Amino acid sequence: MLLADSAVETNDTTQLISMKLVGNDRPGIVRDITRLLAGQGVNVEHLITDVTPAPMSSELLFHADAVLGVPVGLSLDDLQAGLETLADDLMVELVLGGEE
């Protein structure tokens, strides 16, 4: 499990959103996700990752729960679509508000 916390505060140009992400685990998945987020100007404020066995298979599932600082003008639908293009099996849920 990886636990990271950012000390960066948000401002009027940033909104906090909650991200839940699940997909098949593979080498470089965190790098690919964070590269895409950074390319969109998104800051990772809080991140928890985990890997668990998939039900009814020997595959491993990657789970990420994060709070993201997203530029106000960035479409959440576009961000979600971009994340889901990283892998066919990647499921992403983005919720405005940051903390659930």
N, C-alpha and C. Protein backbone atom coordinates (compact mmCIF):
# COMPACT_ATOMS: atom_id res chain seq x y z
N MET A 1 0.84 -1.17 0.00
CA MET A 1 0.00 0.00 0.00
C MET A 1 0.89 1.23 0.00
N LEU A 2 0.50 2.19 -0.81
CA LEU A 2 1.21 3.46 -0.89
C LEU A 2 0.31 4.53 -0.32
N LEU A 3 0.84 5.34 0.57
CA LEU A 3 0.08 6.44 1.15
C LEU A 3 0.89 7.70 0.96
N ALA A 4 0.30 8.67 0.27
CA ALA A 4 0.99 9.93 0.03
C ALA A 4 0.02 11.06 0.27
N ASP A 5 0.51 12.14 0.82
CA ASP A 5 -0.33 13.29 1.13
C ASP A 5 0.38 14.55 0.65
N SER A 6 -0.37 15.44 0.05
CA SER A 6 0.19 16.69 -0.46
C SER A 6 -0.12 17.82 0.50
N ALA A 7 0.82 18.72 0.67
CA ALA A 7 0.59 19.89 1.53
C ALA A 7 0.10 21.09 0.73
N VAL A 8 -0.12 20.90 -0.56
CA VAL A 8 -0.55 22.00 -1.42
C VAL A 8 -2.01 22.33 -1.14
N GLU A 9 -2.30 23.61 -0.96
CA GLU A 9 -3.68 24.04 -0.72
C GLU A 9 -4.33 24.42 -2.04
N THR A 10 -5.65 24.22 -2.12
CA THR A 10 -6.37 24.61 -3.32
C THR A 10 -6.71 26.08 -3.25
N ASN A 11 -7.09 26.65 -4.40
CA ASN A 11 -7.48 28.05 -4.45
C ASN A 11 -8.71 28.19 -5.35
N ASP A 12 -9.03 29.41 -5.76
CA ASP A 12 -10.24 29.65 -6.56
C ASP A 12 -10.17 29.03 -7.95
N THR A 13 -8.99 28.65 -8.40
CA THR A 13 -8.86 28.07 -9.73
C THR A 13 -8.83 26.55 -9.71
N THR A 14 -8.96 25.97 -8.53
CA THR A 14 -8.90 24.52 -8.37
C THR A 14 -10.11 24.02 -7.60
N GLN A 15 -10.66 22.88 -8.04
CA GLN A 15 -11.73 22.24 -7.29
C GLN A 15 -11.26 20.85 -6.86
N LEU A 16 -11.67 20.42 -5.68
CA LEU A 16 -11.32 19.10 -5.19
C LEU A 16 -12.34 18.09 -5.69
N ILE A 17 -11.83 16.96 -6.18
CA ILE A 17 -12.71 15.86 -6.56
C ILE A 17 -12.16 14.58 -5.97
N SER A 18 -13.05 13.62 -5.79
CA SER A 18 -12.67 12.30 -5.33
C SER A 18 -12.56 11.39 -6.55
N MET A 19 -11.51 10.56 -6.59
CA MET A 19 -11.35 9.61 -7.68
C MET A 19 -11.24 8.21 -7.10
N LYS A 20 -12.04 7.30 -7.63
CA LYS A 20 -11.93 5.88 -7.32
C LYS A 20 -11.62 5.18 -8.64
N LEU A 21 -10.61 4.34 -8.63
CA LEU A 21 -10.15 3.72 -9.85
C LEU A 21 -9.88 2.24 -9.57
N VAL A 22 -10.34 1.36 -10.45
CA VAL A 22 -10.10 -0.08 -10.32
C VAL A 22 -9.76 -0.63 -11.70
N GLY A 23 -8.74 -1.48 -11.76
CA GLY A 23 -8.38 -2.13 -13.01
C GLY A 23 -7.38 -3.23 -12.76
N ASN A 24 -7.09 -4.01 -13.80
CA ASN A 24 -6.09 -5.05 -13.66
C ASN A 24 -4.74 -4.41 -13.35
N ASP A 25 -4.03 -4.99 -12.39
CA ASP A 25 -2.72 -4.46 -12.02
C ASP A 25 -1.71 -4.77 -13.12
N ARG A 26 -0.78 -3.86 -13.32
CA ARG A 26 0.30 -4.05 -14.29
C ARG A 26 1.44 -3.11 -13.93
N PRO A 27 2.65 -3.45 -14.35
CA PRO A 27 3.77 -2.55 -14.09
C PRO A 27 3.53 -1.19 -14.74
N GLY A 28 3.80 -0.12 -14.01
CA GLY A 28 3.72 1.23 -14.55
C GLY A 28 2.35 1.88 -14.48
N ILE A 29 1.37 1.23 -13.86
CA ILE A 29 0.02 1.79 -13.84
C ILE A 29 -0.03 3.12 -13.10
N VAL A 30 0.66 3.24 -11.97
CA VAL A 30 0.66 4.50 -11.22
C VAL A 30 1.36 5.59 -12.03
N ARG A 31 2.46 5.25 -12.67
CA ARG A 31 3.18 6.21 -13.52
C ARG A 31 2.27 6.72 -14.64
N ASP A 32 1.57 5.81 -15.30
CA ASP A 32 0.70 6.21 -16.41
C ASP A 32 -0.44 7.11 -15.94
N ILE A 33 -1.03 6.78 -14.81
CA ILE A 33 -2.14 7.57 -14.27
C ILE A 33 -1.64 8.97 -13.88
N THR A 34 -0.54 9.03 -13.13
CA THR A 34 -0.06 10.34 -12.67
C THR A 34 0.47 11.18 -13.84
N ARG A 35 1.03 10.56 -14.85
CA ARG A 35 1.49 11.30 -16.03
C ARG A 35 0.29 11.94 -16.74
N LEU A 36 -0.80 11.20 -16.90
CA LEU A 36 -1.99 11.75 -17.53
C LEU A 36 -2.57 12.88 -16.69
N LEU A 37 -2.65 12.68 -15.37
CA LEU A 37 -3.18 13.73 -14.49
C LEU A 37 -2.34 15.00 -14.57
N ALA A 38 -1.02 14.85 -14.48
CA ALA A 38 -0.13 16.01 -14.54
C ALA A 38 -0.25 16.73 -15.87
N GLY A 39 -0.42 15.98 -16.94
CA GLY A 39 -0.58 16.57 -18.27
C GLY A 39 -1.84 17.42 -18.40
N GLN A 40 -2.82 17.15 -17.54
CA GLN A 40 -4.07 17.92 -17.53
C GLN A 40 -4.04 19.04 -16.48
N GLY A 41 -2.90 19.19 -15.79
CA GLY A 41 -2.79 20.21 -14.76
C GLY A 41 -3.43 19.81 -13.44
N VAL A 42 -3.65 18.51 -13.25
CA VAL A 42 -4.30 17.99 -12.04
C VAL A 42 -3.24 17.67 -10.99
N ASN A 43 -3.49 18.06 -9.75
CA ASN A 43 -2.59 17.79 -8.64
C ASN A 43 -3.17 16.66 -7.78
N VAL A 44 -2.33 15.70 -7.40
CA VAL A 44 -2.76 14.63 -6.49
C VAL A 44 -2.58 15.14 -5.07
N GLU A 45 -3.69 15.38 -4.38
CA GLU A 45 -3.67 15.90 -3.01
C GLU A 45 -3.51 14.77 -1.99
N HIS A 46 -4.12 13.63 -2.27
CA HIS A 46 -4.11 12.49 -1.35
C HIS A 46 -4.27 11.23 -2.19
N LEU A 47 -3.48 10.18 -1.90
CA LEU A 47 -3.53 8.96 -2.71
C LEU A 47 -3.33 7.73 -1.83
N ILE A 48 -4.23 6.78 -1.98
CA ILE A 48 -4.09 5.47 -1.35
C ILE A 48 -4.24 4.43 -2.45
N THR A 49 -3.28 3.50 -2.54
CA THR A 49 -3.37 2.43 -3.53
C THR A 49 -3.32 1.08 -2.84
N ASP A 50 -3.87 0.08 -3.52
CA ASP A 50 -3.88 -1.28 -2.98
C ASP A 50 -3.99 -2.25 -4.15
N VAL A 51 -3.53 -3.46 -3.96
CA VAL A 51 -3.67 -4.53 -4.94
C VAL A 51 -4.33 -5.70 -4.22
N THR A 52 -5.41 -6.23 -4.82
CA THR A 52 -6.14 -7.35 -4.22
C THR A 52 -6.40 -8.41 -5.29
N PRO A 53 -6.59 -9.68 -4.86
CA PRO A 53 -6.94 -10.71 -5.83
C PRO A 53 -8.33 -10.44 -6.42
N ALA A 54 -8.46 -10.68 -7.71
CA ALA A 54 -9.76 -10.51 -8.37
C ALA A 54 -10.66 -11.69 -7.99
N PRO A 55 -11.95 -11.44 -7.82
CA PRO A 55 -12.87 -12.54 -7.52
C PRO A 55 -12.89 -13.53 -8.69
N MET A 56 -12.84 -14.77 -8.37
CA MET A 56 -12.95 -15.87 -9.34
C MET A 56 -11.84 -15.91 -10.39
N SER A 57 -10.68 -15.35 -10.09
CA SER A 57 -9.54 -15.48 -11.00
C SER A 57 -8.25 -15.29 -10.21
N SER A 58 -7.15 -15.58 -10.86
CA SER A 58 -5.86 -15.42 -10.19
C SER A 58 -5.23 -14.06 -10.51
N GLU A 59 -5.95 -13.23 -11.25
CA GLU A 59 -5.46 -11.89 -11.59
C GLU A 59 -5.47 -10.98 -10.36
N LEU A 60 -4.63 -9.95 -10.39
CA LEU A 60 -4.61 -8.96 -9.33
C LEU A 60 -5.30 -7.69 -9.81
N LEU A 61 -6.08 -7.08 -8.91
CA LEU A 61 -6.76 -5.82 -9.21
C LEU A 61 -6.05 -4.67 -8.50
N PHE A 62 -5.81 -3.60 -9.23
CA PHE A 62 -5.24 -2.38 -8.69
C PHE A 62 -6.39 -1.46 -8.29
N HIS A 63 -6.33 -0.92 -7.07
CA HIS A 63 -7.33 0.02 -6.56
C HIS A 63 -6.61 1.31 -6.19
N ALA A 64 -7.20 2.43 -6.54
CA ALA A 64 -6.67 3.73 -6.13
C ALA A 64 -7.83 4.60 -5.65
N ASP A 65 -7.67 5.19 -4.49
CA ASP A 65 -8.59 6.20 -3.97
C ASP A 65 -7.77 7.47 -3.82
N ALA A 66 -8.26 8.55 -4.40
CA ALA A 66 -7.48 9.79 -4.39
C ALA A 66 -8.38 11.00 -4.25
N VAL A 67 -7.79 12.06 -3.73
CA VAL A 67 -8.39 13.38 -3.79
C VAL A 67 -7.51 14.18 -4.74
N LEU A 68 -8.14 14.75 -5.76
CA LEU A 68 -7.41 15.47 -6.79
C LEU A 68 -7.77 16.95 -6.78
N GLY A 69 -6.78 17.79 -7.02
CA GLY A 69 -7.01 19.21 -7.24
C GLY A 69 -7.07 19.45 -8.74
N VAL A 70 -8.28 19.70 -9.24
CA VAL A 70 -8.52 19.79 -10.68
C VAL A 70 -8.76 21.25 -11.08
N PRO A 71 -8.11 21.72 -12.15
CA PRO A 71 -8.40 23.08 -12.61
C PRO A 71 -9.90 23.25 -12.88
N VAL A 72 -10.46 24.38 -12.46
CA VAL A 72 -11.90 24.61 -12.56
C VAL A 72 -12.41 24.44 -13.99
N GLY A 73 -11.66 24.83 -15.00
CA GLY A 73 -12.12 24.75 -16.38
C GLY A 73 -12.05 23.37 -17.01
N LEU A 74 -11.45 22.39 -16.33
CA LEU A 74 -11.27 21.06 -16.90
C LEU A 74 -12.55 20.24 -16.76
N SER A 75 -13.02 19.67 -17.85
CA SER A 75 -14.22 18.83 -17.85
C SER A 75 -13.92 17.51 -17.14
N LEU A 76 -14.75 17.16 -16.14
CA LEU A 76 -14.57 15.89 -15.45
C LEU A 76 -14.84 14.72 -16.38
N ASP A 77 -15.78 14.88 -17.32
CA ASP A 77 -16.05 13.83 -18.30
C ASP A 77 -14.82 13.57 -19.17
N ASP A 78 -14.14 14.64 -19.59
CA ASP A 78 -12.93 14.49 -20.39
C ASP A 78 -11.81 13.84 -19.58
N LEU A 79 -11.68 14.23 -18.32
CA LEU A 79 -10.67 13.64 -17.45
C LEU A 79 -10.94 12.15 -17.26
N GLN A 80 -12.19 11.79 -16.99
CA GLN A 80 -12.55 10.39 -16.81
C GLN A 80 -12.29 9.59 -18.08
N ALA A 81 -12.68 10.13 -19.22
CA ALA A 81 -12.45 9.44 -20.50
C ALA A 81 -10.96 9.25 -20.75
N GLY A 82 -10.16 10.26 -20.44
CA GLY A 82 -8.72 10.14 -20.61
C GLY A 82 -8.13 9.04 -19.75
N LEU A 83 -8.55 8.98 -18.50
CA LEU A 83 -8.07 7.92 -17.60
C LEU A 83 -8.49 6.54 -18.10
N GLU A 84 -9.72 6.43 -18.58
CA GLU A 84 -10.21 5.13 -19.03
C GLU A 84 -9.55 4.67 -20.32
N THR A 85 -8.90 5.57 -21.07
CA THR A 85 -8.18 5.16 -22.27
C THR A 85 -6.85 4.50 -21.94
N LEU A 86 -6.40 4.61 -20.69
CA LEU A 86 -5.13 4.00 -20.31
C LEU A 86 -5.19 2.48 -20.38
N ALA A 87 -6.36 1.90 -20.18
CA ALA A 87 -6.54 0.46 -20.26
C ALA A 87 -8.02 0.16 -20.49
N ASP A 88 -8.31 -0.87 -21.26
CA ASP A 88 -9.70 -1.23 -21.56
C ASP A 88 -10.48 -1.60 -20.30
N ASP A 89 -9.80 -2.17 -19.31
CA ASP A 89 -10.49 -2.66 -18.12
C ASP A 89 -10.56 -1.63 -16.99
N LEU A 90 -10.01 -0.45 -17.19
CA LEU A 90 -9.94 0.55 -16.12
C LEU A 90 -11.29 1.22 -15.91
N MET A 91 -11.79 1.14 -14.66
CA MET A 91 -13.05 1.80 -14.31
C MET A 91 -12.72 2.98 -13.40
N VAL A 92 -13.23 4.15 -13.74
CA VAL A 92 -12.91 5.37 -13.01
C VAL A 92 -14.20 6.05 -12.59
N GLU A 93 -14.24 6.46 -11.31
CA GLU A 93 -15.37 7.25 -10.81
C GLU A 93 -14.81 8.56 -10.26
N LEU A 94 -15.33 9.67 -10.76
CA LEU A 94 -14.92 11.00 -10.30
C LEU A 94 -16.11 11.67 -9.66
N VAL A 95 -15.93 12.19 -8.43
CA VAL A 95 -17.03 12.83 -7.70
C VAL A 95 -16.57 14.20 -7.23
N LEU A 96 -17.33 15.23 -7.59
CA LEU A 96 -17.02 16.58 -7.17
C LEU A 96 -17.13 16.69 -5.65
N GLY A 97 -16.18 17.33 -5.01
CA GLY A 97 -16.26 17.55 -3.57
C GLY A 97 -15.08 17.02 -2.80
N GLY A 98 -14.34 16.08 -3.34
CA GLY A 98 -13.11 15.64 -2.72
C GLY A 98 -13.24 14.61 -1.64
N GLU A 99 -13.98 14.89 -0.59
CA GLU A 99 -14.09 13.97 0.53
C GLU A 99 -15.48 13.36 0.54
N GLU A 100 -15.55 12.03 0.61
CA GLU A 100 -16.86 11.37 0.68
C GLU A 100 -17.15 10.96 2.09
